[in-house]
């Protein structure tokens, strides 16, 4: 899994856990909702400033959004 895919999966998971609809997270983090959607689908490159904004709004460490989850085999 690429780092972009890891970020996308973590962003989507944390957003759901925190109860943020995409629209609300995008507005609070001051990013376009369609850009947030592309991030969650791993269809867009994401800068470190955006990662920091999203982590702040979601109240997680930035590294949490980039950490690969061990697969259950």
PDB file of N, CA and C in Angstrom:
ATOM      1  N   UNK A   1       0.851  -1.172   0.000  1.00  0.00           N
ATOM      2  CA  UNK A   1       0.000   0.000   0.000  1.00  0.00           C
ATOM      3  C   UNK A   1       0.901   1.241   0.000  1.00  0.00           C
ATOM      4  N   UNK A   2       0.609   2.188  -0.870  1.00  0.00           N
ATOM      5  CA  UNK A   2       1.409   3.413  -0.953  1.00  0.00           C
ATOM      6  C   UNK A   2       1.096   4.335   0.229  1.00  0.00           C
ATOM      7  N   UNK A   3       1.977   5.280   0.491  1.00  0.00           N
ATOM      8  CA  UNK A   3       1.757   6.234   1.573  1.00  0.00           C
ATOM      9  C   UNK A   3       0.483   7.038   1.323  1.00  0.00           C
ATOM     10  N   UNK A   4       0.218   7.369   0.075  1.00  0.00           N
ATOM     11  CA  UNK A   4      -1.009   8.101  -0.262  1.00  0.00           C
ATOM     12  C   UNK A   4      -2.240   7.278   0.097  1.00  0.00           C
ATOM     13  N   UNK A   5      -2.202   5.976  -0.156  1.00  0.00           N
ATOM     14  CA  UNK A   5      -3.322   5.095   0.183  1.00  0.00           C
ATOM     15  C   UNK A   5      -3.468   4.952   1.698  1.00  0.00           C
ATOM     16  N   UNK A   6      -2.343   4.870   2.399  1.00  0.00           N
ATOM     17  CA  UNK A   6      -2.363   4.795   3.859  1.00  0.00           C
ATOM     18  C   UNK A   6      -3.010   6.055   4.424  1.00  0.00           C
ATOM     19  N   UNK A   7      -2.567   7.216   3.940  1.00  0.00           N
ATOM     20  CA  UNK A   7      -3.139   8.484   4.389  1.00  0.00           C
ATOM     21  C   UNK A   7      -4.639   8.534   4.117  1.00  0.00           C
ATOM     22  N   UNK A   8      -5.047   8.140   2.920  1.00  0.00           N
ATOM     23  CA  UNK A   8      -6.461   8.171   2.547  1.00  0.00           C
ATOM     24  C   UNK A   8      -7.297   7.303   3.491  1.00  0.00           C
ATOM     25  N   UNK A   9      -6.840   6.089   3.745  1.00  0.00           N
ATOM     26  CA  UNK A   9      -7.576   5.172   4.623  1.00  0.00           C
ATOM     27  C   UNK A   9      -7.637   5.718   6.049  1.00  0.00           C
ATOM     28  N   UNK A  10      -6.517   6.247   6.540  1.00  0.00           N
ATOM     29  CA  UNK A  10      -6.492   6.791   7.901  1.00  0.00           C
ATOM     30  C   UNK A  10      -7.372   8.030   8.022  1.00  0.00           C
ATOM     31  N   UNK A  11      -7.326   8.901   7.044  1.00  0.00           N
ATOM     32  CA  UNK A  11      -8.149  10.108   7.067  1.00  0.00           C
ATOM     33  C   UNK A  11      -9.628   9.740   7.116  1.00  0.00           C
ATOM     34  N   UNK A  12     -10.037   8.832   6.260  1.00  0.00           N
ATOM     35  CA  UNK A  12     -11.429   8.394   6.211  1.00  0.00           C
ATOM     36  C   UNK A  12     -11.842   7.748   7.548  1.00  0.00           C
ATOM     37  N   UNK A  13     -10.979   6.877   8.069  1.00  0.00           N
ATOM     38  CA  UNK A  13     -11.277   6.173   9.326  1.00  0.00           C
ATOM     39  C   UNK A  13     -11.412   7.155  10.486  1.00  0.00           C
ATOM     40  N   UNK A  14     -10.440   8.048  10.633  1.00  0.00           N
ATOM     41  CA  UNK A  14     -10.464   9.002  11.746  1.00  0.00           C
ATOM     42  C   UNK A  14     -11.651   9.952  11.606  1.00  0.00           C
ATOM     43  N   UNK A  15     -11.937  10.382  10.390  1.00  0.00           N
ATOM     44  CA  UNK A  15     -13.090  11.279  10.171  1.00  0.00           C
ATOM     45  C   UNK A  15     -14.371  10.602  10.626  1.00  0.00           C
ATOM     46  N   UNK A  16     -14.536   9.326  10.279  1.00  0.00           N
ATOM     47  CA  UNK A  16     -15.736   8.593  10.693  1.00  0.00           C
ATOM     48  C   UNK A  16     -15.785   8.421  12.212  1.00  0.00           C
ATOM     49  N   UNK A  17     -14.665   8.052  12.810  1.00  0.00           N
ATOM     50  CA  UNK A  17     -14.603   7.868  14.268  1.00  0.00           C
ATOM     51  C   UNK A  17     -14.957   9.167  14.994  1.00  0.00           C
ATOM     52  N   UNK A  18     -14.486  10.291  14.475  1.00  0.00           N
ATOM     53  CA  UNK A  18     -14.745  11.596  15.093  1.00  0.00           C
ATOM     54  C   UNK A  18     -16.136  12.137  14.744  1.00  0.00           C
ATOM     55  N   UNK A  19     -16.835  11.474  13.830  1.00  0.00           N
ATOM     56  CA  UNK A  19     -18.197  11.875  13.482  1.00  0.00           C
ATOM     57  C   UNK A  19     -18.305  13.098  12.593  1.00  0.00           C
ATOM     58  N   UNK A  20     -17.290  13.340  11.787  1.00  0.00           N
ATOM     59  CA  UNK A  20     -17.297  14.481  10.869  1.00  0.00           C
ATOM     60  C   UNK A  20     -17.825  14.077   9.502  1.00  0.00           C
ATOM     61  N   UNK A  21     -18.887  14.689   9.017  1.00  0.00           N
ATOM     62  CA  UNK A  21     -19.212  14.548   7.595  1.00  0.00           C
ATOM     63  C   UNK A  21     -18.103  15.240   6.784  1.00  0.00           C
ATOM     64  N   UNK A  22     -17.887  14.812   5.558  1.00  0.00           N
ATOM     65  CA  UNK A  22     -16.842  15.427   4.723  1.00  0.00           C
ATOM     66  C   UNK A  22     -17.003  16.938   4.649  1.00  0.00           C
ATOM     67  N   UNK A  23     -18.223  17.376   4.441  1.00  0.00           N
ATOM     68  CA  UNK A  23     -18.489  18.815   4.289  1.00  0.00           C
ATOM     69  C   UNK A  23     -18.039  19.589   5.535  1.00  0.00           C
ATOM     70  N   UNK A  24     -18.347  19.079   6.709  1.00  0.00           N
ATOM     71  CA  UNK A  24     -17.985  19.769   7.954  1.00  0.00           C
ATOM     72  C   UNK A  24     -16.470  19.789   8.163  1.00  0.00           C
ATOM     73  N   UNK A  25     -15.817  18.662   7.915  1.00  0.00           N
ATOM     74  CA  UNK A  25     -14.364  18.620   8.071  1.00  0.00           C
ATOM     75  C   UNK A  25     -13.703  19.579   7.083  1.00  0.00           C
ATOM     76  N   UNK A  26     -14.157  19.564   5.851  1.00  0.00           N
ATOM     77  CA  UNK A  26     -13.581  20.454   4.836  1.00  0.00           C
ATOM     78  C   UNK A  26     -13.744  21.917   5.246  1.00  0.00           C
ATOM     79  N   UNK A  27     -14.923  22.270   5.698  1.00  0.00           N
ATOM     80  CA  UNK A  27     -15.177  23.661   6.104  1.00  0.00           C
ATOM     81  C   UNK A  27     -14.298  24.052   7.287  1.00  0.00           C
ATOM     82  N   UNK A  28     -14.241  23.207   8.308  1.00  0.00           N
ATOM     83  CA  UNK A  28     -13.475  23.513   9.517  1.00  0.00           C
ATOM     84  C   UNK A  28     -11.975  23.590   9.230  1.00  0.00           C
ATOM     85  N   UNK A  29     -11.492  22.719   8.341  1.00  0.00           N
ATOM     86  CA  UNK A  29     -10.066  22.714   7.990  1.00  0.00           C
ATOM     87  C   UNK A  29      -9.739  23.698   6.877  1.00  0.00           C
ATOM     88  N   UNK A  30     -10.765  24.367   6.350  1.00  0.00           N
ATOM     89  CA  UNK A  30     -10.596  25.355   5.282  1.00  0.00           C
ATOM     90  C   UNK A  30      -9.978  24.746   4.021  1.00  0.00           C
ATOM     91  N   UNK A  31     -10.536  23.589   3.622  1.00  0.00           N
ATOM     92  CA  UNK A  31     -10.164  22.974   2.346  1.00  0.00           C
ATOM     93  C   UNK A  31     -11.446  22.702   1.567  1.00  0.00           C
ATOM     94  N   UNK A  32     -11.342  22.632   0.276  1.00  0.00           N
ATOM     95  CA  UNK A  32     -12.499  22.363  -0.562  1.00  0.00           C
ATOM     96  C   UNK A  32     -12.985  20.931  -0.336  1.00  0.00           C
ATOM     97  N   UNK A  33     -14.299  20.722  -0.276  1.00  0.00           N
ATOM     98  CA  UNK A  33     -14.854  19.404  -0.031  1.00  0.00           C
ATOM     99  C   UNK A  33     -14.465  18.416  -1.123  1.00  0.00           C
ATOM    100  N   UNK A  34     -14.404  18.867  -2.366  1.00  0.00           N
ATOM    101  CA  UNK A  34     -14.016  17.951  -3.438  1.00  0.00           C
ATOM    102  C   UNK A  34     -12.551  17.545  -3.315  1.00  0.00           C
ATOM    103  N   UNK A  35     -11.717  18.445  -2.809  1.00  0.00           N
ATOM    104  CA  UNK A  35     -10.309  18.123  -2.558  1.00  0.00           C
ATOM    105  C   UNK A  35     -10.214  17.086  -1.451  1.00  0.00           C
ATOM    106  N   UNK A  36     -11.001  17.265  -0.394  1.00  0.00           N
ATOM    107  CA  UNK A  36     -11.026  16.294   0.703  1.00  0.00           C
ATOM    108  C   UNK A  36     -11.483  14.933   0.179  1.00  0.00           C
ATOM    109  N   UNK A  37     -12.478  14.927  -0.672  1.00  0.00           N
ATOM    110  CA  UNK A  37     -12.949  13.678  -1.265  1.00  0.00           C
ATOM    111  C   UNK A  37     -11.846  12.999  -2.070  1.00  0.00           C
ATOM    112  N   UNK A  38     -11.104  13.784  -2.855  1.00  0.00           N
ATOM    113  CA  UNK A  38      -9.997  13.218  -3.635  1.00  0.00           C
ATOM    114  C   UNK A  38      -8.903  12.675  -2.725  1.00  0.00           C
ATOM    115  N   UNK A  39      -8.645  13.360  -1.598  1.00  0.00           N
ATOM    116  CA  UNK A  39      -7.656  12.859  -0.636  1.00  0.00           C
ATOM    117  C   UNK A  39      -8.091  11.498  -0.106  1.00  0.00           C
ATOM    118  N   UNK A  40      -9.364  11.372   0.248  1.00  0.00           N
ATOM    119  CA  UNK A  40      -9.872  10.124   0.823  1.00  0.00           C
ATOM    120  C   UNK A  40      -9.912   8.986  -0.190  1.00  0.00           C
ATOM    121  N   UNK A  41      -9.904   9.321  -1.454  1.00  0.00           N
ATOM    122  CA  UNK A  41      -9.888   8.293  -2.501  1.00  0.00           C
ATOM    123  C   UNK A  41      -8.478   8.053  -3.024  1.00  0.00           C
ATOM    124  N   UNK A  42      -7.505   8.701  -2.406  1.00  0.00           N
ATOM    125  CA  UNK A  42      -6.114   8.560  -2.808  1.00  0.00           C
ATOM    126  C   UNK A  42      -5.890   9.052  -4.236  1.00  0.00           C
ATOM    127  N   UNK A  43      -6.657  10.049  -4.632  1.00  0.00           N
ATOM    128  CA  UNK A  43      -6.589  10.564  -5.992  1.00  0.00           C
ATOM    129  C   UNK A  43      -5.876  11.902  -6.083  1.00  0.00           C
ATOM    130  N   UNK A  44      -5.340  12.370  -4.951  1.00  0.00           N
ATOM    131  CA  UNK A  44      -4.695  13.672  -4.952  1.00  0.00           C
ATOM    132  C   UNK A  44      -3.487  13.660  -4.025  1.00  0.00           C
ATOM    133  N   UNK A  45      -2.439  14.353  -4.451  1.00  0.00           N
ATOM    134  CA  UNK A  45      -1.283  14.539  -3.569  1.00  0.00           C
ATOM    135  C   UNK A  45      -1.666  15.534  -2.480  1.00  0.00           C
ATOM    136  N   UNK A  46      -1.119  15.337  -1.299  1.00  0.00           N
ATOM    137  CA  UNK A  46      -1.463  16.187  -0.162  1.00  0.00           C
ATOM    138  C   UNK A  46      -0.194  16.788   0.421  1.00  0.00           C
ATOM    139  N   UNK A  47      -0.201  18.085   0.619  1.00  0.00           N
ATOM    140  CA  UNK A  47       0.945  18.762   1.216  1.00  0.00           C
ATOM    141  C   UNK A  47       0.955  18.622   2.731  1.00  0.00           C
ATOM    142  N   UNK A  48       2.113  18.841   3.316  1.00  0.00           N
ATOM    143  CA  UNK A  48       2.242  18.669   4.764  1.00  0.00           C
ATOM    144  C   UNK A  48       1.434  19.706   5.542  1.00  0.00           C
ATOM    145  N   UNK A  49       1.232  20.877   4.988  1.00  0.00           N
ATOM    146  CA  UNK A  49       0.415  21.883   5.674  1.00  0.00           C
ATOM    147  C   UNK A  49      -1.040  21.424   5.781  1.00  0.00           C
ATOM    148  N   UNK A  50      -1.538  20.784   4.745  1.00  0.00           N
ATOM    149  CA  UNK A  50      -2.916  20.266   4.756  1.00  0.00           C
ATOM    150  C   UNK A  50      -3.028  19.117   5.753  1.00  0.00           C
ATOM    151  N   UNK A  51      -2.031  18.245   5.777  1.00  0.00           N
ATOM    152  CA  UNK A  51      -2.026  17.140   6.746  1.00  0.00           C
ATOM    153  C   UNK A  51      -2.072  17.719   8.160  1.00  0.00           C
ATOM    154  N   UNK A  52      -1.296  18.754   8.413  1.00  0.00           N
ATOM    155  CA  UNK A  52      -1.275  19.385   9.735  1.00  0.00           C
ATOM    156  C   UNK A  52      -2.632  19.987  10.086  1.00  0.00           C
ATOM    157  N   UNK A  53      -3.271  20.668   9.138  1.00  0.00           N
ATOM    158  CA  UNK A  53      -4.593  21.251   9.371  1.00  0.00           C
ATOM    159  C   UNK A  53      -5.616  20.176   9.716  1.00  0.00           C
ATOM    160  N   UNK A  54      -5.630  19.118   8.912  1.00  0.00           N
ATOM    161  CA  UNK A  54      -6.602  18.043   9.133  1.00  0.00           C
ATOM    162  C   UNK A  54      -6.363  17.358  10.474  1.00  0.00           C
ATOM    163  N   UNK A  55      -5.114  17.102  10.813  1.00  0.00           N
ATOM    164  CA  UNK A  55      -4.790  16.470  12.090  1.00  0.00           C
ATOM    165  C   UNK A  55      -5.246  17.356  13.251  1.00  0.00           C
ATOM    166  N   UNK A  56      -5.031  18.648  13.129  1.00  0.00           N
ATOM    167  CA  UNK A  56      -5.443  19.581  14.180  1.00  0.00           C
ATOM    168  C   UNK A  56      -6.956  19.532  14.383  1.00  0.00           C
ATOM    169  N   UNK A  57      -7.701  19.624  13.304  1.00  0.00           N
ATOM    170  CA  UNK A  57      -9.162  19.611  13.390  1.00  0.00           C
ATOM    171  C   UNK A  57      -9.666  18.271  13.932  1.00  0.00           C
ATOM    172  N   UNK A  58      -9.033  17.180  13.511  1.00  0.00           N
ATOM    173  CA  UNK A  58      -9.448  15.849  13.955  1.00  0.00           C
ATOM    174  C   UNK A  58      -8.887  15.485  15.333  1.00  0.00           C
ATOM    175  N   UNK A  59      -8.032  16.354  15.869  1.00  0.00           N
ATOM    176  CA  UNK A  59      -7.434  16.145  17.197  1.00  0.00           C
ATOM    177  C   UNK A  59      -6.644  14.834  17.286  1.00  0.00           C
ATOM    178  N   UNK A  60      -5.793  14.629  16.283  1.00  0.00           N
ATOM    179  CA  UNK A  60      -4.877  13.486  16.273  1.00  0.00           C
ATOM    180  C   UNK A  60      -3.487  14.001  15.932  1.00  0.00           C
ATOM    181  N   UNK A  61      -2.483  13.228  16.270  1.00  0.00           N
ATOM    182  CA  UNK A  61      -1.119  13.558  15.866  1.00  0.00           C
ATOM    183  C   UNK A  61      -1.019  13.419  14.347  1.00  0.00           C
ATOM    184  N   UNK A  62      -0.219  14.263  13.724  1.00  0.00           N
ATOM    185  CA  UNK A  62      -0.042  14.185  12.263  1.00  0.00           C
ATOM    186  C   UNK A  62       0.420  12.801  11.843  1.00  0.00           C
ATOM    187  N   UNK A  63       1.298  12.196  12.628  1.00  0.00           N
ATOM    188  CA  UNK A  63       1.826  10.867  12.306  1.00  0.00           C
ATOM    189  C   UNK A  63       0.727   9.816  12.256  1.00  0.00           C
ATOM    190  N   UNK A  64      -0.341  10.022  13.029  1.00  0.00           N
ATOM    191  CA  UNK A  64      -1.464   9.071  13.036  1.00  0.00           C
ATOM    192  C   UNK A  64      -2.087   8.947  11.652  1.00  0.00           C
ATOM    193  N   UNK A  65      -2.070  10.023  10.899  1.00  0.00           N
ATOM    194  CA  UNK A  65      -2.655  10.010   9.558  1.00  0.00           C
ATOM    195  C   UNK A  65      -1.734   9.345   8.533  1.00  0.00           C
ATOM    196  N   UNK A  66      -0.476   9.157   8.898  1.00  0.00           N
ATOM    197  CA  UNK A  66       0.496   8.581   7.960  1.00  0.00           C
ATOM    198  C   UNK A  66       0.962   7.178   8.358  1.00  0.00           C
ATOM    199  N   UNK A  67       0.520   6.700   9.499  1.00  0.00           N
ATOM    200  CA  UNK A  67       0.975   5.434  10.036  1.00  0.00           C
ATOM    201  C   UNK A  67       0.255   4.259   9.369  1.00  0.00           C
ATOM    202  N   UNK A  68       1.037   3.337   8.839  1.00  0.00           N
ATOM    203  CA  UNK A  68       0.452   2.136   8.230  1.00  0.00           C
ATOM    204  C   UNK A  68      -0.062   1.225   9.338  1.00  0.00           C
ATOM    205  N   UNK A  69      -1.243   0.711   9.151  1.00  0.00           N
ATOM    206  CA  UNK A  69      -1.836  -0.211  10.111  1.00  0.00           C
ATOM    207  C   UNK A  69      -1.409  -1.618   9.730  1.00  0.00           C
ATOM    208  N   UNK A  70      -0.957  -2.377  10.702  1.00  0.00           N
ATOM    209  CA  UNK A  70      -0.534  -3.766  10.427  1.00  0.00           C
ATOM    210  C   UNK A  70      -1.723  -4.570   9.942  1.00  0.00           C
ATOM    211  N   UNK A  71      -1.514  -5.325   8.890  1.00  0.00           N
ATOM    212  CA  UNK A  71      -2.597  -6.155   8.351  1.00  0.00           C
ATOM    213  C   UNK A  71      -2.799  -7.359   9.248  1.00  0.00           C
ATOM    214  N   UNK A  72      -4.061  -7.803   9.327  1.00  0.00           N
ATOM    215  CA  UNK A  72      -4.407  -8.963  10.151  1.00  0.00           C
ATOM    216  C   UNK A  72      -4.398 -10.205   9.279  1.00  0.00           C
ATOM    217  N   UNK A  73      -3.338 -10.977   9.360  1.00  0.00           N
ATOM    218  CA  UNK A  73      -3.223 -12.170   8.522  1.00  0.00           C
ATOM    219  C   UNK A  73      -3.293 -13.410   9.360  1.00  0.00           C
TER     220      UNK A  73
END
